[in-house]
Each structure stands twice: as C-alpha cells, then as structure tokens.
Amino acid sequence: MDKKDIYEHLAKIYLDASSKKKKRNKAYPKLFKNLFIVSIFLMVGLSTTIFSSVSKRHNLHSETALILQNDPAKINFNFDPAKKEVYSLNLNHLNLARFKMLAFSIRNMEPRERIALRIEFVNAFKERSEIYLRNIPSNWKDFKINLTDFKNLNDWSETTSLSFCVEEWNTSGKKGIVFIDNVRLLKA
C-alpha cells in the first residue's frame, strides 16, 4: 500500500465517522421533539380522563344548559300577614325558543309540611303559564319540566320572567322555608 492509498483509506474512515456523528447529533433533537409531543398527548389524555371521571362523580352531564341561577334561593314564608311568597328571576326578554326543559333542584326544610310550588313563565306579550309542583321533598331533589307543559305560553322568543311561588292555600302549615338551586334551561 502506498501513501496515497493510506491517505484515501484514512480519509474514508474519517469522513464516514464524521458523517455518522452528524447523523447521531441530528437524531437526538428529533428524539426529544417526539418525546415532547408524546408527553403532551399523554397529559391531554390523562386530563380528559380525570375530567370525565370527576364529571361523572359530580353528576355533570354533557347537557347544553343556560344557567339562570346557580346560588341557592330561599323562599322564607310566613302566612300570618302575607298570602304568598315569590322568588322571581328577571329573564330580560330572553329567547327560550331553542330550549326544551326547565331544570332545578329544590328542598323543603320542614319535612312534616306539605308544600306545593307554583312555577310561572311570563313573556313580553303578558302571556302567563303556570304549573304546580306538589309535595316538595325534604331532601334535595332535581326536577326537569318540559317547557311544553306550560300550555298558555305561545311565544317563547321574548320571555320576561320565571317565578317560583309558595301560596297559603297550597301549604299545610303557615311557616316554612323552601330552597331552590341550580335553575337552568336545557336544550335536550
């Protein structure tokens, strides 16, 4: 072997070795990039799983809702001077035509008392429609009422108010407390 062959052989070994180093150096950023992307997918999947299990545990359905009132409202009635107590929500000409149900939670604080609750919608044309919810339970209970049950309301496009009313002639006692919570409108 002459010097020229030796130099070519060494150059070939050196160039092959240097090109392998470059390939190896380029491989690490791709590896880190791929690991980063995989970790993001794992975090998103894990958070989705956690949220899903939390929502099932807390009974959060995937229902489309318009929340009208989410803090508990208290109807504290004493029918000594008064004849009825009303809790009313101003709906400010809200269009409810796309909603199908009224949902809320309710509780009667006096378990021995039988109480009926009048639920009433009023629209901008002064049309009123009401239904009665009989025997309000002493434990929290969720109710869903179809808006079609409110028969006398023809136009839901400009709804002005929603009222919950306890009337003297619909209770067995003169005093009591009713709590209403999580008032919402559902599309399905």
N, C-alpha and C. Protein backbone atom coordinates (compact mmCIF):
# COMPACT_ATOMS: atom_id res chain seq x y z
N MET A 1 0.83 -1.17 0.00
CA MET A 1 0.00 0.00 0.00
C MET A 1 0.88 1.23 0.00
N ASP A 2 0.57 2.14 -0.87
CA ASP A 2 1.36 3.35 -0.90
C ASP A 2 0.69 4.43 -0.07
N LYS A 3 1.35 5.55 0.02
CA LYS A 3 0.87 6.63 0.88
C LYS A 3 -0.48 7.16 0.40
N LYS A 4 -0.64 7.22 -0.88
CA LYS A 4 -1.89 7.74 -1.42
C LYS A 4 -3.06 6.84 -1.01
N ASP A 5 -2.89 5.56 -1.08
CA ASP A 5 -3.93 4.62 -0.68
C ASP A 5 -4.22 4.74 0.81
N ILE A 6 -3.16 4.91 1.58
CA ILE A 6 -3.33 5.05 3.03
C ILE A 6 -4.12 6.32 3.33
N TYR A 7 -3.78 7.44 2.69
CA TYR A 7 -4.50 8.69 2.90
C TYR A 7 -5.97 8.57 2.50
N GLU A 8 -6.22 7.94 1.38
CA GLU A 8 -7.62 7.76 0.95
C GLU A 8 -8.38 6.88 1.92
N HIS A 9 -7.71 5.82 2.39
CA HIS A 9 -8.34 4.93 3.35
C HIS A 9 -8.66 5.67 4.65
N LEU A 10 -7.70 6.46 5.15
CA LEU A 10 -7.91 7.23 6.39
C LEU A 10 -8.99 8.30 6.19
N ALA A 11 -8.97 8.94 5.02
CA ALA A 11 -9.97 9.96 4.74
C ALA A 11 -11.36 9.33 4.70
N LYS A 12 -11.46 8.17 4.10
CA LYS A 12 -12.74 7.48 4.03
C LYS A 12 -13.25 7.12 5.43
N ILE A 13 -12.35 6.59 6.25
CA ILE A 13 -12.73 6.25 7.63
C ILE A 13 -13.13 7.49 8.39
N TYR A 14 -12.36 8.57 8.23
CA TYR A 14 -12.64 9.81 8.95
C TYR A 14 -13.97 10.41 8.48
N LEU A 15 -14.17 10.49 7.18
CA LEU A 15 -15.41 11.08 6.65
C LEU A 15 -16.63 10.25 7.03
N ASP A 16 -16.52 8.93 6.99
CA ASP A 16 -17.64 8.09 7.41
C ASP A 16 -17.94 8.28 8.88
N ALA A 17 -16.89 8.36 9.68
CA ALA A 17 -17.08 8.55 11.11
C ALA A 17 -17.70 9.90 11.39
N SER A 18 -17.27 10.95 10.71
CA SER A 18 -17.81 12.28 10.95
C SER A 18 -19.25 12.38 10.46
N SER A 19 -19.60 11.72 9.38
CA SER A 19 -20.99 11.76 8.93
C SER A 19 -21.89 10.99 9.88
N LYS A 20 -21.42 9.91 10.51
CA LYS A 20 -22.21 9.19 11.49
C LYS A 20 -22.46 10.04 12.73
N LYS A 21 -21.44 10.83 13.13
CA LYS A 21 -21.62 11.72 14.27
C LYS A 21 -22.69 12.76 13.97
N LYS A 22 -22.64 13.30 12.77
CA LYS A 22 -23.65 14.30 12.41
C LYS A 22 -25.04 13.69 12.41
N LYS A 23 -25.17 12.49 11.89
CA LYS A 23 -26.47 11.82 11.89
C LYS A 23 -26.94 11.57 13.31
N ARG A 24 -26.03 11.15 14.20
CA ARG A 24 -26.39 10.89 15.58
C ARG A 24 -26.81 12.18 16.26
N ASN A 25 -26.11 13.28 16.02
CA ASN A 25 -26.46 14.56 16.62
C ASN A 25 -27.82 15.05 16.12
N LYS A 26 -28.13 14.76 14.86
CA LYS A 26 -29.42 15.16 14.34
C LYS A 26 -30.53 14.26 14.89
N ALA A 27 -30.22 13.07 15.26
CA ALA A 27 -31.23 12.14 15.76
C ALA A 27 -31.72 12.54 17.15
N TYR A 28 -30.86 13.11 18.00
CA TYR A 28 -31.28 13.47 19.35
C TYR A 28 -32.34 14.56 19.37
N PRO A 29 -32.24 15.65 18.60
CA PRO A 29 -33.33 16.63 18.63
C PRO A 29 -34.66 16.04 18.16
N LYS A 30 -34.62 15.14 17.17
CA LYS A 30 -35.86 14.50 16.74
C LYS A 30 -36.42 13.64 17.84
N LEU A 31 -35.55 12.95 18.56
CA LEU A 31 -35.99 12.11 19.67
C LEU A 31 -36.64 12.96 20.75
N PHE A 32 -36.01 14.08 21.12
CA PHE A 32 -36.58 14.96 22.14
C PHE A 32 -37.90 15.57 21.67
N LYS A 33 -37.96 15.95 20.42
CA LYS A 33 -39.19 16.51 19.86
C LYS A 33 -40.31 15.47 19.91
N ASN A 34 -40.00 14.24 19.53
CA ASN A 34 -41.01 13.18 19.56
C ASN A 34 -41.45 12.87 20.99
N LEU A 35 -40.51 12.83 21.92
CA LEU A 35 -40.86 12.60 23.33
C LEU A 35 -41.73 13.72 23.87
N PHE A 36 -41.44 14.95 23.48
CA PHE A 36 -42.22 16.10 23.91
C PHE A 36 -43.66 16.00 23.39
N ILE A 37 -43.82 15.66 22.13
CA ILE A 37 -45.15 15.53 21.53
C ILE A 37 -45.93 14.40 22.19
N VAL A 38 -45.26 13.27 22.43
CA VAL A 38 -45.92 12.14 23.08
C VAL A 38 -46.35 12.52 24.50
N SER A 39 -45.50 13.25 25.23
CA SER A 39 -45.86 13.65 26.59
C SER A 39 -47.04 14.61 26.60
N ILE A 40 -47.14 15.49 25.61
CA ILE A 40 -48.30 16.39 25.54
C ILE A 40 -49.57 15.58 25.31
N PHE A 41 -49.52 14.61 24.39
CA PHE A 41 -50.70 13.77 24.16
C PHE A 41 -51.08 13.00 25.41
N LEU A 42 -50.09 12.51 26.14
CA LEU A 42 -50.39 11.78 27.38
C LEU A 42 -51.04 12.69 28.41
N MET A 43 -50.54 13.93 28.54
CA MET A 43 -51.12 14.86 29.51
C MET A 43 -52.55 15.23 29.13
N VAL A 44 -52.80 15.46 27.84
CA VAL A 44 -54.16 15.79 27.40
C VAL A 44 -55.09 14.60 27.64
N GLY A 45 -54.64 13.41 27.31
CA GLY A 45 -55.45 12.22 27.53
C GLY A 45 -55.73 12.00 29.00
N LEU A 46 -54.73 12.18 29.84
CA LEU A 46 -54.90 12.00 31.27
C LEU A 46 -55.85 13.04 31.84
N SER A 47 -55.71 14.30 31.43
CA SER A 47 -56.60 15.34 31.94
C SER A 47 -58.04 15.10 31.47
N THR A 48 -58.21 14.63 30.26
CA THR A 48 -59.56 14.31 29.76
C THR A 48 -60.17 13.18 30.58
N THR A 49 -59.37 12.17 30.88
CA THR A 49 -59.86 11.05 31.69
C THR A 49 -60.23 11.51 33.09
N ILE A 50 -59.39 12.34 33.68
CA ILE A 50 -59.66 12.85 35.04
C ILE A 50 -60.92 13.69 35.03
N PHE A 51 -61.07 14.61 34.06
CA PHE A 51 -62.27 15.44 34.00
C PHE A 51 -63.51 14.60 33.79
N SER A 52 -63.39 13.59 32.96
CA SER A 52 -64.52 12.71 32.70
C SER A 52 -64.96 12.00 33.97
N SER A 53 -64.01 11.49 34.74
CA SER A 53 -64.37 10.78 35.96
C SER A 53 -64.91 11.74 37.01
N VAL A 54 -64.37 12.98 37.08
CA VAL A 54 -64.88 13.96 38.03
C VAL A 54 -66.29 14.37 37.65
N SER A 55 -66.54 14.57 36.35
CA SER A 55 -67.87 14.99 35.94
C SER A 55 -68.89 13.88 36.20
N LYS A 56 -68.50 12.62 36.04
CA LYS A 56 -69.43 11.52 36.34
C LYS A 56 -69.70 11.46 37.84
N ARG A 57 -68.65 11.69 38.64
CA ARG A 57 -68.81 11.62 40.08
C ARG A 57 -69.71 12.74 40.59
N HIS A 58 -69.60 13.92 40.00
CA HIS A 58 -70.41 15.05 40.44
C HIS A 58 -71.69 15.20 39.63
N ASN A 59 -72.02 14.19 38.85
CA ASN A 59 -73.26 14.14 38.10
C ASN A 59 -73.40 15.32 37.14
N LEU A 60 -72.28 15.70 36.49
CA LEU A 60 -72.32 16.75 35.48
C LEU A 60 -72.53 16.08 34.14
N HIS A 61 -73.68 16.27 33.57
CA HIS A 61 -73.98 15.65 32.29
C HIS A 61 -73.47 16.55 31.19
N SER A 62 -73.40 15.99 30.02
CA SER A 62 -72.97 16.79 28.88
C SER A 62 -74.17 17.46 28.24
N GLU A 63 -75.08 17.96 29.07
CA GLU A 63 -76.26 18.61 28.56
C GLU A 63 -75.95 20.09 28.31
N THR A 64 -76.51 20.61 27.26
CA THR A 64 -76.34 22.02 26.96
C THR A 64 -77.34 22.78 27.81
N ALA A 65 -76.82 23.67 28.62
CA ALA A 65 -77.70 24.36 29.56
C ALA A 65 -77.40 25.85 29.59
N LEU A 66 -78.43 26.61 29.87
CA LEU A 66 -78.31 28.02 30.16
C LEU A 66 -78.64 28.15 31.64
N ILE A 67 -77.64 28.51 32.42
CA ILE A 67 -77.83 28.60 33.87
C ILE A 67 -78.43 29.96 34.20
N LEU A 68 -79.61 29.93 34.79
CA LEU A 68 -80.30 31.16 35.15
C LEU A 68 -79.93 31.62 36.56
N GLN A 69 -79.68 30.68 37.43
CA GLN A 69 -79.34 31.00 38.82
C GLN A 69 -78.65 29.79 39.41
N ASN A 70 -77.42 30.00 39.91
CA ASN A 70 -76.68 28.85 40.44
C ASN A 70 -76.46 28.91 41.95
N ASP A 71 -76.85 29.98 42.59
CA ASP A 71 -76.77 30.06 44.05
C ASP A 71 -78.13 29.70 44.63
N PRO A 72 -78.14 29.03 45.77
CA PRO A 72 -79.44 28.67 46.35
C PRO A 72 -80.28 29.90 46.69
N ALA A 73 -81.55 29.84 46.32
CA ALA A 73 -82.51 30.91 46.66
C ALA A 73 -83.39 30.39 47.78
N LYS A 74 -83.74 31.29 48.67
CA LYS A 74 -84.52 30.91 49.85
C LYS A 74 -85.88 31.59 49.78
N ILE A 75 -86.93 30.79 49.84
CA ILE A 75 -88.28 31.34 49.97
C ILE A 75 -88.69 31.06 51.41
N ASN A 76 -88.64 32.09 52.22
CA ASN A 76 -88.98 32.00 53.64
C ASN A 76 -90.39 32.57 53.79
N PHE A 77 -91.35 31.69 53.99
CA PHE A 77 -92.73 32.17 54.02
C PHE A 77 -93.30 32.12 55.43
N ASN A 78 -94.12 33.13 55.72
CA ASN A 78 -94.87 33.23 56.97
C ASN A 78 -96.21 33.82 56.58
N PHE A 79 -97.26 33.00 56.59
CA PHE A 79 -98.54 33.42 56.07
C PHE A 79 -99.43 34.07 57.13
N ASP A 80 -98.81 34.69 58.12
CA ASP A 80 -99.62 35.40 59.10
C ASP A 80 -100.17 36.68 58.45
N PRO A 81 -99.30 37.57 57.92
CA PRO A 81 -99.89 38.71 57.21
C PRO A 81 -99.99 38.47 55.69
N ALA A 82 -99.05 37.74 55.15
CA ALA A 82 -98.99 37.58 53.68
C ALA A 82 -99.81 36.39 53.22
N LYS A 83 -100.11 36.37 51.93
CA LYS A 83 -100.86 35.25 51.35
C LYS A 83 -100.00 34.42 50.40
N LYS A 84 -98.85 34.97 49.96
CA LYS A 84 -97.94 34.22 49.11
C LYS A 84 -96.54 34.84 49.18
N GLU A 85 -95.55 34.00 48.90
CA GLU A 85 -94.14 34.44 48.82
C GLU A 85 -93.62 34.02 47.46
N VAL A 86 -92.91 34.92 46.79
CA VAL A 86 -92.47 34.69 45.41
C VAL A 86 -90.97 34.91 45.30
N TYR A 87 -90.31 34.01 44.59
CA TYR A 87 -88.93 34.22 44.15
C TYR A 87 -88.98 34.32 42.64
N SER A 88 -88.55 35.45 42.09
CA SER A 88 -88.69 35.70 40.66
C SER A 88 -87.33 35.99 40.03
N LEU A 89 -87.16 35.49 38.82
CA LEU A 89 -85.95 35.75 38.03
C LEU A 89 -86.33 36.60 36.83
N ASN A 90 -85.66 37.73 36.66
CA ASN A 90 -85.89 38.59 35.51
C ASN A 90 -85.12 38.01 34.33
N LEU A 91 -85.82 37.58 33.30
CA LEU A 91 -85.19 36.96 32.13
C LEU A 91 -84.85 37.98 31.04
N ASN A 92 -85.27 39.22 31.20
CA ASN A 92 -84.82 40.31 30.34
C ASN A 92 -85.07 40.03 28.85
N HIS A 93 -86.28 39.62 28.51
CA HIS A 93 -86.69 39.34 27.13
C HIS A 93 -85.82 38.28 26.46
N LEU A 94 -85.49 37.26 27.21
CA LEU A 94 -84.63 36.17 26.73
C LEU A 94 -85.39 35.26 25.76
N ASN A 95 -84.72 34.85 24.70
CA ASN A 95 -85.32 33.95 23.72
C ASN A 95 -85.11 32.52 24.19
N LEU A 96 -86.18 31.86 24.59
CA LEU A 96 -86.11 30.49 25.10
C LEU A 96 -86.65 29.48 24.09
N ALA A 97 -86.85 29.90 22.86
CA ALA A 97 -87.45 29.02 21.85
C ALA A 97 -86.61 27.78 21.58
N ARG A 98 -85.31 27.84 21.74
CA ARG A 98 -84.46 26.69 21.43
C ARG A 98 -84.30 25.73 22.61
N PHE A 99 -84.86 26.06 23.76
CA PHE A 99 -84.74 25.21 24.93
C PHE A 99 -85.97 24.32 25.08
N LYS A 100 -85.76 23.14 25.68
CA LYS A 100 -86.83 22.15 25.81
C LYS A 100 -87.30 21.94 27.24
N MET A 101 -86.40 22.16 28.23
CA MET A 101 -86.75 21.82 29.61
C MET A 101 -86.26 22.88 30.60
N LEU A 102 -87.00 23.00 31.67
CA LEU A 102 -86.59 23.78 32.84
C LEU A 102 -86.12 22.77 33.88
N ALA A 103 -84.93 22.99 34.43
CA ALA A 103 -84.40 22.08 35.45
C ALA A 103 -83.97 22.88 36.67
N PHE A 104 -84.14 22.30 37.83
CA PHE A 104 -83.74 22.94 39.09
C PHE A 104 -83.71 21.90 40.19
N SER A 105 -83.06 22.26 41.28
CA SER A 105 -83.06 21.42 42.49
C SER A 105 -83.87 22.16 43.54
N ILE A 106 -84.57 21.40 44.39
CA ILE A 106 -85.44 22.02 45.38
C ILE A 106 -85.44 21.20 46.67
N ARG A 107 -85.71 21.91 47.77
CA ARG A 107 -85.74 21.25 49.08
C ARG A 107 -86.70 22.00 50.01
N ASN A 108 -87.50 21.24 50.74
CA ASN A 108 -88.40 21.78 51.76
C ASN A 108 -87.74 21.54 53.11
N MET A 109 -87.56 22.59 53.88
CA MET A 109 -86.86 22.46 55.17
C MET A 109 -87.76 21.91 56.28
N GLU A 110 -89.04 21.86 56.06
CA GLU A 110 -89.98 21.33 57.05
C GLU A 110 -90.53 20.00 56.54
N PRO A 111 -89.96 18.86 56.94
CA PRO A 111 -90.39 17.57 56.38
C PRO A 111 -91.84 17.20 56.69
N ARG A 112 -92.41 17.75 57.75
CA ARG A 112 -93.80 17.41 58.09
C ARG A 112 -94.80 18.22 57.29
N GLU A 113 -94.37 19.30 56.68
CA GLU A 113 -95.27 20.18 55.93
C GLU A 113 -95.36 19.74 54.47
N ARG A 114 -96.57 19.75 53.96
CA ARG A 114 -96.80 19.50 52.53
C ARG A 114 -96.88 20.85 51.84
N ILE A 115 -96.02 21.04 50.87
CA ILE A 115 -95.96 22.33 50.16
C ILE A 115 -96.03 22.07 48.66
N ALA A 116 -96.86 22.87 47.98
CA ALA A 116 -96.91 22.87 46.52
C ALA A 116 -96.31 24.18 46.04
N LEU A 117 -95.56 24.12 44.97
CA LEU A 117 -94.88 25.29 44.43
C LEU A 117 -95.46 25.61 43.06
N ARG A 118 -95.81 26.87 42.86
CA ARG A 118 -96.29 27.32 41.55
C ARG A 118 -95.10 27.86 40.78
N ILE A 119 -94.91 27.36 39.55
CA ILE A 119 -93.82 27.80 38.68
C ILE A 119 -94.47 28.49 37.49
N GLU A 120 -94.04 29.72 37.23
CA GLU A 120 -94.74 30.52 36.22
C GLU A 120 -93.74 31.22 35.30
N PHE A 121 -94.02 31.16 34.00
CA PHE A 121 -93.29 31.93 32.99
C PHE A 121 -94.20 33.04 32.49
N VAL A 122 -93.61 34.21 32.19
CA VAL A 122 -94.33 35.33 31.60
C VAL A 122 -93.50 35.82 30.42
N ASN A 123 -94.19 36.13 29.30
CA ASN A 123 -93.46 36.67 28.15
C ASN A 123 -93.77 38.16 27.96
N ALA A 124 -93.17 38.76 26.94
CA ALA A 124 -93.31 40.20 26.70
C ALA A 124 -94.74 40.58 26.32
N PHE A 125 -95.54 39.64 25.87
CA PHE A 125 -96.93 39.91 25.49
C PHE A 125 -97.89 39.68 26.65
N LYS A 126 -97.34 39.55 27.85
CA LYS A 126 -98.10 39.35 29.10
C LYS A 126 -98.84 38.02 29.13
N GLU A 127 -98.42 37.07 28.31
CA GLU A 127 -98.96 35.72 28.40
C GLU A 127 -98.33 35.05 29.61
N ARG A 128 -99.14 34.37 30.40
CA ARG A 128 -98.67 33.69 31.59
C ARG A 128 -99.02 32.22 31.49
N SER A 129 -98.10 31.40 31.94
CA SER A 129 -98.39 29.97 32.01
C SER A 129 -97.74 29.43 33.28
N GLU A 130 -98.48 28.58 33.97
CA GLU A 130 -98.00 28.08 35.25
C GLU A 130 -98.27 26.59 35.37
N ILE A 131 -97.45 25.96 36.17
CA ILE A 131 -97.70 24.57 36.58
C ILE A 131 -97.42 24.50 38.08
N TYR A 132 -97.93 23.45 38.70
CA TYR A 132 -97.71 23.25 40.13
C TYR A 132 -96.87 22.00 40.37
N LEU A 133 -95.93 22.15 41.26
CA LEU A 133 -95.10 21.02 41.69
C LEU A 133 -95.58 20.67 43.10
N ARG A 134 -96.14 19.50 43.24
CA ARG A 134 -96.75 19.09 44.51
C ARG A 134 -95.75 18.34 45.38
N ASN A 135 -95.96 18.42 46.70
CA ASN A 135 -95.18 17.68 47.70
C ASN A 135 -93.67 17.81 47.50
N ILE A 136 -93.17 18.97 47.77
CA ILE A 136 -91.73 19.23 47.66
C ILE A 136 -91.02 18.39 48.71
N PRO A 137 -89.98 17.65 48.32
CA PRO A 137 -89.31 16.75 49.26
C PRO A 137 -88.43 17.49 50.27
N SER A 138 -88.14 16.81 51.38
CA SER A 138 -87.30 17.43 52.42
C SER A 138 -85.80 17.23 52.13
N ASN A 139 -85.46 16.39 51.20
CA ASN A 139 -84.07 16.25 50.74
C ASN A 139 -83.96 16.88 49.35
N TRP A 140 -82.75 17.30 49.00
CA TRP A 140 -82.55 17.91 47.68
C TRP A 140 -82.96 16.93 46.59
N LYS A 141 -83.75 17.43 45.66
CA LYS A 141 -84.16 16.61 44.52
C LYS A 141 -84.13 17.47 43.26
N ASP A 142 -83.63 16.88 42.19
CA ASP A 142 -83.54 17.58 40.91
C ASP A 142 -84.80 17.30 40.10
N PHE A 143 -85.40 18.36 39.57
CA PHE A 143 -86.59 18.24 38.74
C PHE A 143 -86.31 18.76 37.34
N LYS A 144 -86.90 18.11 36.36
CA LYS A 144 -86.84 18.57 34.97
C LYS A 144 -88.27 18.62 34.45
N ILE A 145 -88.66 19.80 33.96
CA ILE A 145 -90.03 20.02 33.49
C ILE A 145 -89.97 20.45 32.03
N ASN A 146 -90.73 19.77 31.18
CA ASN A 146 -90.80 20.14 29.77
C ASN A 146 -91.46 21.51 29.64
N LEU A 147 -90.89 22.35 28.80
CA LEU A 147 -91.49 23.67 28.57
C LEU A 147 -92.84 23.55 27.86
N THR A 148 -93.07 22.44 27.19
CA THR A 148 -94.37 22.23 26.54
C THR A 148 -95.49 22.06 27.58
N ASP A 149 -95.13 21.76 28.84
CA ASP A 149 -96.13 21.66 29.91
C ASP A 149 -96.73 23.02 30.27
N PHE A 150 -96.04 24.10 29.90
CA PHE A 150 -96.56 25.45 30.12
C PHE A 150 -97.44 25.80 28.92
N LYS A 151 -98.70 25.41 28.99
CA LYS A 151 -99.61 25.41 27.83
C LYS A 151 -100.01 26.81 27.35
N ASN A 152 -100.16 27.78 28.23
CA ASN A 152 -100.70 29.09 27.84
C ASN A 152 -99.66 30.05 27.28
N LEU A 153 -98.45 29.61 27.09
CA LEU A 153 -97.40 30.48 26.55
C LEU A 153 -97.16 30.08 25.10
N ASN A 154 -97.53 30.96 24.18
CA ASN A 154 -97.40 30.66 22.76
C ASN A 154 -96.08 31.14 22.17
N ASP A 155 -95.51 32.19 22.74
CA ASP A 155 -94.29 32.77 22.18
C ASP A 155 -93.18 32.74 23.24
N TRP A 156 -92.14 31.96 22.97
CA TRP A 156 -91.01 31.84 23.89
C TRP A 156 -89.84 32.75 23.47
N SER A 157 -90.04 33.57 22.45
CA SER A 157 -88.92 34.36 21.92
C SER A 157 -88.56 35.56 22.79
N GLU A 158 -89.50 36.05 23.61
CA GLU A 158 -89.21 37.18 24.49
C GLU A 158 -89.78 36.90 25.88
N THR A 159 -89.12 36.04 26.60
CA THR A 159 -89.59 35.65 27.93
C THR A 159 -89.06 36.65 28.94
N THR A 160 -89.95 37.18 29.76
CA THR A 160 -89.55 38.25 30.68
C THR A 160 -89.26 37.77 32.11
N SER A 161 -89.97 36.73 32.58
CA SER A 161 -89.71 36.31 33.97
C SER A 161 -90.05 34.85 34.20
N LEU A 162 -89.39 34.33 35.21
CA LEU A 162 -89.65 32.99 35.73
C LEU A 162 -89.84 33.15 37.23
N SER A 163 -90.95 32.65 37.75
CA SER A 163 -91.26 32.82 39.17
C SER A 163 -91.53 31.49 39.84
N PHE A 164 -91.11 31.40 41.10
CA PHE A 164 -91.42 30.27 41.96
C PHE A 164 -92.22 30.85 43.13
N CYS A 165 -93.40 30.33 43.36
CA CYS A 165 -94.30 30.95 44.32
C CYS A 165 -94.86 29.90 45.29
N VAL A 166 -94.82 30.23 46.58
CA VAL A 166 -95.47 29.42 47.61
C VAL A 166 -96.69 30.21 48.05
N GLU A 167 -97.88 29.59 47.93
CA GLU A 167 -99.13 30.27 48.26
C GLU A 167 -99.75 29.63 49.50
N GLU A 168 -100.45 30.43 50.27
CA GLU A 168 -101.03 29.98 51.53
C GLU A 168 -101.95 28.79 51.34
N TRP A 169 -102.75 28.78 50.31
CA TRP A 169 -103.71 27.70 50.09
C TRP A 169 -103.08 26.42 49.55
N ASN A 170 -101.77 26.45 49.29
CA ASN A 170 -101.08 25.26 48.80
C ASN A 170 -100.04 24.73 49.79
N THR A 171 -100.21 25.07 51.05
CA THR A 171 -99.32 24.54 52.09
C THR A 171 -100.15 24.03 53.26
N SER A 172 -99.58 23.09 53.98
CA SER A 172 -100.30 22.58 55.15
C SER A 172 -100.00 23.39 56.40
N GLY A 173 -98.95 24.18 56.39
CA GLY A 173 -98.59 24.99 57.55
C GLY A 173 -98.52 26.47 57.18
N LYS A 174 -98.31 27.29 58.19
CA LYS A 174 -98.26 28.75 57.98
C LYS A 174 -96.84 29.27 57.80
N LYS A 175 -95.82 28.49 58.23
CA LYS A 175 -94.43 28.95 58.15
C LYS A 175 -93.58 27.85 57.54
N GLY A 176 -92.52 28.26 56.89
CA GLY A 176 -91.60 27.28 56.34
C GLY A 176 -90.54 27.93 55.46
N ILE A 177 -89.63 27.09 54.99
CA ILE A 177 -88.54 27.55 54.11
C ILE A 177 -88.40 26.55 52.98
N VAL A 178 -88.31 27.09 51.77
CA VAL A 178 -88.05 26.28 50.58
C VAL A 178 -86.79 26.83 49.92
N PHE A 179 -85.87 25.93 49.59
CA PHE A 179 -84.66 26.33 48.87
C PHE A 179 -84.76 25.85 47.42
N ILE A 180 -84.34 26.73 46.50
CA ILE A 180 -84.29 26.41 45.07
C ILE A 180 -82.87 26.68 44.61
N ASP A 181 -82.30 25.73 43.88
CA ASP A 181 -80.90 25.84 43.48
C ASP A 181 -80.72 25.36 42.05
N ASN A 182 -79.68 25.84 41.42
CA ASN A 182 -79.23 25.36 40.10
C ASN A 182 -80.35 25.44 39.06
N VAL A 183 -80.98 26.59 38.95
CA VAL A 183 -82.05 26.80 37.96
C VAL A 183 -81.41 26.96 36.59
N ARG A 184 -81.85 26.11 35.63
CA ARG A 184 -81.24 26.15 34.31
C ARG A 184 -82.25 25.70 33.26
N LEU A 185 -81.96 26.07 32.02
CA LEU A 185 -82.76 25.65 30.88
C LEU A 185 -81.92 24.69 30.04
N LEU A 186 -82.54 23.59 29.60
CA LEU A 186 -81.83 22.56 28.87
C LEU A 186 -82.32 22.47 27.44
N LYS A 187 -81.40 22.18 26.54
CA LYS A 187 -81.77 22.03 25.13
C LYS A 187 -82.27 20.61 24.83
N ALA A 188 -81.89 19.65 25.64
CA ALA A 188 -82.31 18.26 25.37
C ALA A 188 -82.96 17.65 26.58
